[in-house]
């Protein structure tokens, strides 16, 4: 197939985020999530823009809250699996994280 015959495909924007000696916090991931879900155009009228920014911040808070809950539940699952495998001391380290 000739490259000139290929359809025009737009892949979108690509961004890279890194941390140093740690993972991302739920708040950081929530912000990245809302940046993907909600884009506020520069041409948005100021009143609507302010509402959209407030809504986006609210979305970030809700997403971060549920991510924290998911982390806690997953940690409980890992704790129980390690404890059931006969490693109660290691399981306790996991629980305290």
N, C-alpha and C. Protein backbone atom coordinates (compact mmCIF):
# COMPACT_ATOMS: atom_id res chain seq x y z
N UNK A 1 0.84 -1.18 0.00
CA UNK A 1 0.00 0.00 0.00
C UNK A 1 0.89 1.24 0.00
N UNK A 2 0.57 2.14 -0.84
CA UNK A 2 1.30 3.41 -0.92
C UNK A 2 0.92 4.29 0.25
N UNK A 3 1.90 4.93 0.87
CA UNK A 3 1.64 5.78 2.03
C UNK A 3 0.67 6.92 1.69
N UNK A 4 0.64 7.32 0.46
CA UNK A 4 -0.27 8.40 0.05
C UNK A 4 -1.73 7.95 0.10
N UNK A 5 -1.98 6.66 0.11
CA UNK A 5 -3.34 6.13 0.14
C UNK A 5 -3.83 5.85 1.56
N UNK A 6 -2.98 6.06 2.56
CA UNK A 6 -3.38 5.79 3.94
C UNK A 6 -4.35 6.86 4.42
N UNK A 7 -5.32 6.47 5.26
CA UNK A 7 -6.25 7.47 5.80
C UNK A 7 -5.53 8.40 6.76
N UNK A 8 -6.07 9.59 6.90
CA UNK A 8 -5.51 10.58 7.82
C UNK A 8 -5.99 10.22 9.23
N UNK A 9 -5.08 9.77 10.08
CA UNK A 9 -5.42 9.35 11.43
C UNK A 9 -4.79 10.32 12.42
N UNK A 10 -5.62 10.86 13.30
CA UNK A 10 -5.13 11.75 14.34
C UNK A 10 -5.09 10.97 15.65
N UNK A 11 -3.94 10.97 16.27
CA UNK A 11 -3.77 10.21 17.50
C UNK A 11 -3.97 11.04 18.74
N UNK A 12 -4.03 12.33 18.63
CA UNK A 12 -4.22 13.18 19.80
C UNK A 12 -2.89 13.59 20.40
N UNK A 13 -2.97 14.25 21.54
CA UNK A 13 -1.77 14.72 22.22
C UNK A 13 -1.18 13.63 23.09
N UNK A 14 0.10 13.66 23.21
CA UNK A 14 0.80 12.72 24.07
C UNK A 14 1.54 13.52 25.13
N UNK A 15 1.43 13.07 26.38
CA UNK A 15 2.18 13.74 27.45
C UNK A 15 2.83 12.68 28.33
N UNK A 16 3.89 13.07 28.98
CA UNK A 16 4.62 12.17 29.86
C UNK A 16 4.73 12.83 31.22
N UNK A 17 4.42 12.07 32.26
CA UNK A 17 4.56 12.57 33.63
C UNK A 17 5.45 11.60 34.38
N UNK A 18 6.31 12.13 35.22
CA UNK A 18 7.20 11.28 36.00
C UNK A 18 7.23 11.75 37.45
N UNK A 19 7.69 10.86 38.31
CA UNK A 19 7.94 11.21 39.70
C UNK A 19 9.35 10.75 40.03
N UNK A 20 9.84 11.16 41.18
CA UNK A 20 11.18 10.78 41.59
C UNK A 20 11.09 9.96 42.87
N UNK A 21 11.43 8.69 42.79
CA UNK A 21 11.46 7.78 43.94
C UNK A 21 10.10 7.59 44.62
N UNK A 22 9.02 7.69 43.86
CA UNK A 22 7.68 7.44 44.41
C UNK A 22 6.72 7.24 43.25
N UNK A 23 5.54 6.72 43.58
CA UNK A 23 4.48 6.62 42.59
C UNK A 23 3.66 7.90 42.59
N UNK A 24 2.68 7.95 41.73
CA UNK A 24 1.79 9.11 41.69
C UNK A 24 0.79 9.04 42.84
N UNK A 25 0.44 10.18 43.38
CA UNK A 25 -0.58 10.25 44.42
C UNK A 25 -1.96 10.15 43.75
N UNK A 26 -2.98 9.77 44.52
CA UNK A 26 -4.33 9.76 43.94
C UNK A 26 -4.72 11.13 43.38
N UNK A 27 -4.29 12.19 44.04
CA UNK A 27 -4.63 13.54 43.56
C UNK A 27 -3.97 13.83 42.22
N UNK A 28 -2.72 13.39 42.05
CA UNK A 28 -2.03 13.61 40.78
C UNK A 28 -2.68 12.81 39.65
N UNK A 29 -3.04 11.57 39.94
CA UNK A 29 -3.71 10.75 38.92
C UNK A 29 -5.08 11.32 38.60
N UNK A 30 -5.80 11.79 39.62
CA UNK A 30 -7.12 12.38 39.39
C UNK A 30 -7.01 13.62 38.50
N UNK A 31 -5.97 14.40 38.70
CA UNK A 31 -5.79 15.59 37.86
C UNK A 31 -5.52 15.18 36.42
N UNK A 32 -4.67 14.17 36.21
CA UNK A 32 -4.40 13.68 34.86
C UNK A 32 -5.67 13.14 34.22
N UNK A 33 -6.48 12.46 35.02
CA UNK A 33 -7.74 11.90 34.53
C UNK A 33 -8.69 13.01 34.07
N UNK A 34 -8.87 14.01 34.91
CA UNK A 34 -9.79 15.09 34.53
C UNK A 34 -9.25 15.91 33.36
N UNK A 35 -7.93 15.99 33.24
CA UNK A 35 -7.37 16.68 32.08
C UNK A 35 -7.74 15.95 30.78
N UNK A 36 -7.87 14.61 30.86
CA UNK A 36 -8.28 13.83 29.69
C UNK A 36 -9.78 13.92 29.45
N UNK A 37 -10.55 13.99 30.56
CA UNK A 37 -12.00 13.98 30.44
C UNK A 37 -12.59 15.34 30.08
N UNK A 38 -11.96 16.40 30.53
CA UNK A 38 -12.56 17.73 30.36
C UNK A 38 -11.53 18.72 29.87
N UNK A 39 -11.80 19.29 28.73
CA UNK A 39 -10.92 20.31 28.17
C UNK A 39 -11.71 21.62 28.10
N UNK A 40 -11.13 22.67 28.63
CA UNK A 40 -11.78 23.98 28.62
C UNK A 40 -11.06 24.85 27.59
N UNK A 41 -11.77 25.19 26.53
CA UNK A 41 -11.18 25.97 25.45
C UNK A 41 -10.85 27.38 25.91
N UNK A 42 -9.78 27.92 25.37
CA UNK A 42 -9.38 29.29 25.69
C UNK A 42 -10.46 30.29 25.29
N UNK A 43 -11.24 29.95 24.29
CA UNK A 43 -12.27 30.86 23.80
C UNK A 43 -13.57 30.80 24.61
N UNK A 44 -13.59 29.98 25.66
CA UNK A 44 -14.79 29.86 26.49
C UNK A 44 -15.05 31.18 27.21
N UNK A 45 -16.29 31.68 27.18
CA UNK A 45 -16.60 32.92 27.89
C UNK A 45 -16.23 32.81 29.38
N UNK A 46 -15.75 33.90 29.98
CA UNK A 46 -15.24 33.88 31.36
C UNK A 46 -16.19 33.24 32.38
N UNK A 47 -17.46 33.56 32.34
CA UNK A 47 -18.39 33.01 33.34
C UNK A 47 -18.52 31.50 33.20
N UNK A 48 -18.61 31.03 31.97
CA UNK A 48 -18.71 29.59 31.73
C UNK A 48 -17.38 28.91 32.05
N UNK A 49 -16.29 29.59 31.72
CA UNK A 49 -14.95 29.06 32.01
C UNK A 49 -14.78 28.85 33.52
N UNK A 50 -15.20 29.83 34.32
CA UNK A 50 -15.09 29.72 35.78
C UNK A 50 -15.90 28.54 36.30
N UNK A 51 -17.11 28.36 35.75
CA UNK A 51 -17.94 27.23 36.15
C UNK A 51 -17.29 25.91 35.75
N UNK A 52 -16.72 25.87 34.57
CA UNK A 52 -16.08 24.64 34.09
C UNK A 52 -14.85 24.29 34.94
N UNK A 53 -14.09 25.30 35.32
CA UNK A 53 -12.92 25.07 36.18
C UNK A 53 -13.36 24.55 37.54
N UNK A 54 -14.41 25.13 38.11
CA UNK A 54 -14.93 24.67 39.40
C UNK A 54 -15.43 23.23 39.30
N UNK A 55 -16.12 22.92 38.21
CA UNK A 55 -16.62 21.56 37.99
C UNK A 55 -15.46 20.58 37.87
N UNK A 56 -14.42 20.97 37.14
CA UNK A 56 -13.26 20.12 36.95
C UNK A 56 -12.58 19.83 38.29
N UNK A 57 -12.44 20.84 39.13
CA UNK A 57 -11.84 20.65 40.46
C UNK A 57 -12.70 19.72 41.31
N UNK A 58 -14.00 19.85 41.19
CA UNK A 58 -14.91 18.95 41.91
C UNK A 58 -14.74 17.51 41.42
N UNK A 59 -14.64 17.33 40.12
CA UNK A 59 -14.41 16.01 39.55
C UNK A 59 -13.10 15.42 40.07
N UNK A 60 -12.05 16.22 40.12
CA UNK A 60 -10.75 15.76 40.62
C UNK A 60 -10.88 15.24 42.04
N UNK A 61 -11.60 15.99 42.89
CA UNK A 61 -11.76 15.60 44.29
C UNK A 61 -12.51 14.27 44.41
N UNK A 62 -13.57 14.10 43.63
CA UNK A 62 -14.35 12.87 43.69
C UNK A 62 -13.52 11.69 43.19
N UNK A 63 -12.82 11.87 42.09
CA UNK A 63 -11.98 10.79 41.55
C UNK A 63 -10.90 10.41 42.55
N UNK A 64 -10.23 11.41 43.15
CA UNK A 64 -9.18 11.13 44.14
C UNK A 64 -9.75 10.37 45.33
N UNK A 65 -10.93 10.75 45.80
CA UNK A 65 -11.56 10.08 46.93
C UNK A 65 -11.79 8.60 46.62
N UNK A 66 -12.36 8.31 45.45
CA UNK A 66 -12.64 6.92 45.10
C UNK A 66 -11.36 6.13 44.81
N UNK A 67 -10.33 6.80 44.31
CA UNK A 67 -9.05 6.13 44.12
C UNK A 67 -8.45 5.74 45.47
N UNK A 68 -8.55 6.62 46.46
CA UNK A 68 -8.06 6.29 47.80
C UNK A 68 -8.80 5.10 48.37
N UNK A 69 -10.11 5.05 48.16
CA UNK A 69 -10.90 3.91 48.62
C UNK A 69 -10.47 2.62 47.91
N UNK A 70 -10.21 2.71 46.62
CA UNK A 70 -9.77 1.53 45.86
C UNK A 70 -8.41 1.05 46.37
N UNK A 71 -7.53 1.98 46.67
CA UNK A 71 -6.21 1.62 47.19
C UNK A 71 -6.35 0.91 48.53
N UNK A 72 -7.19 1.44 49.41
CA UNK A 72 -7.40 0.81 50.72
C UNK A 72 -7.95 -0.61 50.56
N UNK A 73 -8.91 -0.78 49.66
CA UNK A 73 -9.52 -2.11 49.49
C UNK A 73 -8.51 -3.08 48.90
N UNK A 74 -7.74 -2.61 47.95
CA UNK A 74 -6.73 -3.47 47.35
C UNK A 74 -5.67 -3.85 48.38
N UNK A 75 -5.28 -2.90 49.19
CA UNK A 75 -4.29 -3.17 50.24
C UNK A 75 -4.82 -4.23 51.21
N UNK A 76 -6.11 -4.17 51.53
CA UNK A 76 -6.72 -5.17 52.40
C UNK A 76 -6.65 -6.55 51.74
N UNK A 77 -6.92 -6.61 50.44
CA UNK A 77 -6.85 -7.87 49.71
C UNK A 77 -5.42 -8.42 49.74
N UNK A 78 -4.44 -7.56 49.51
CA UNK A 78 -3.03 -7.99 49.52
C UNK A 78 -2.64 -8.44 50.93
N UNK A 79 -3.04 -7.67 51.94
CA UNK A 79 -2.76 -8.03 53.34
C UNK A 79 -3.29 -9.44 53.64
N UNK A 80 -4.54 -9.69 53.30
CA UNK A 80 -5.14 -10.99 53.57
C UNK A 80 -4.44 -12.12 52.82
N UNK A 81 -4.07 -11.87 51.58
CA UNK A 81 -3.40 -12.91 50.79
C UNK A 81 -2.03 -13.23 51.39
N UNK A 82 -1.29 -12.22 51.80
CA UNK A 82 0.03 -12.44 52.38
C UNK A 82 -0.09 -13.13 53.75
N UNK A 83 -1.05 -12.70 54.54
CA UNK A 83 -1.28 -13.32 55.85
C UNK A 83 -1.68 -14.79 55.68
N UNK A 84 -2.58 -15.06 54.74
CA UNK A 84 -3.02 -16.43 54.47
C UNK A 84 -1.88 -17.30 53.94
N UNK A 85 -0.87 -16.67 53.35
CA UNK A 85 0.28 -17.41 52.82
C UNK A 85 1.31 -17.68 53.93
N UNK A 86 0.97 -17.29 55.17
CA UNK A 86 1.86 -17.59 56.28
C UNK A 86 2.91 -16.53 56.56
N UNK A 87 2.66 -15.32 56.14
CA UNK A 87 3.62 -14.23 56.35
C UNK A 87 2.95 -13.07 57.11
N UNK A 88 2.56 -13.28 58.36
CA UNK A 88 1.83 -12.25 59.09
C UNK A 88 2.63 -10.96 59.32
N UNK A 89 3.94 -11.07 59.53
CA UNK A 89 4.75 -9.87 59.75
C UNK A 89 4.80 -9.00 58.48
N UNK A 90 5.04 -9.64 57.35
CA UNK A 90 5.03 -8.92 56.07
C UNK A 90 3.65 -8.32 55.80
N UNK A 91 2.60 -9.08 56.09
CA UNK A 91 1.23 -8.59 55.90
C UNK A 91 0.99 -7.34 56.72
N UNK A 92 1.53 -7.32 57.93
CA UNK A 92 1.35 -6.15 58.81
C UNK A 92 2.06 -4.92 58.25
N UNK A 93 3.23 -5.12 57.63
CA UNK A 93 3.93 -4.00 56.98
C UNK A 93 3.05 -3.42 55.85
N UNK A 94 2.45 -4.30 55.10
CA UNK A 94 1.58 -3.88 54.01
C UNK A 94 0.38 -3.10 54.57
N UNK A 95 -0.21 -3.60 55.63
CA UNK A 95 -1.38 -2.94 56.22
C UNK A 95 -1.04 -1.53 56.70
N UNK A 96 0.18 -1.33 57.19
CA UNK A 96 0.57 -0.03 57.74
C UNK A 96 0.96 0.99 56.68
N UNK A 97 1.10 0.56 55.46
CA UNK A 97 1.50 1.49 54.38
C UNK A 97 0.46 2.58 54.19
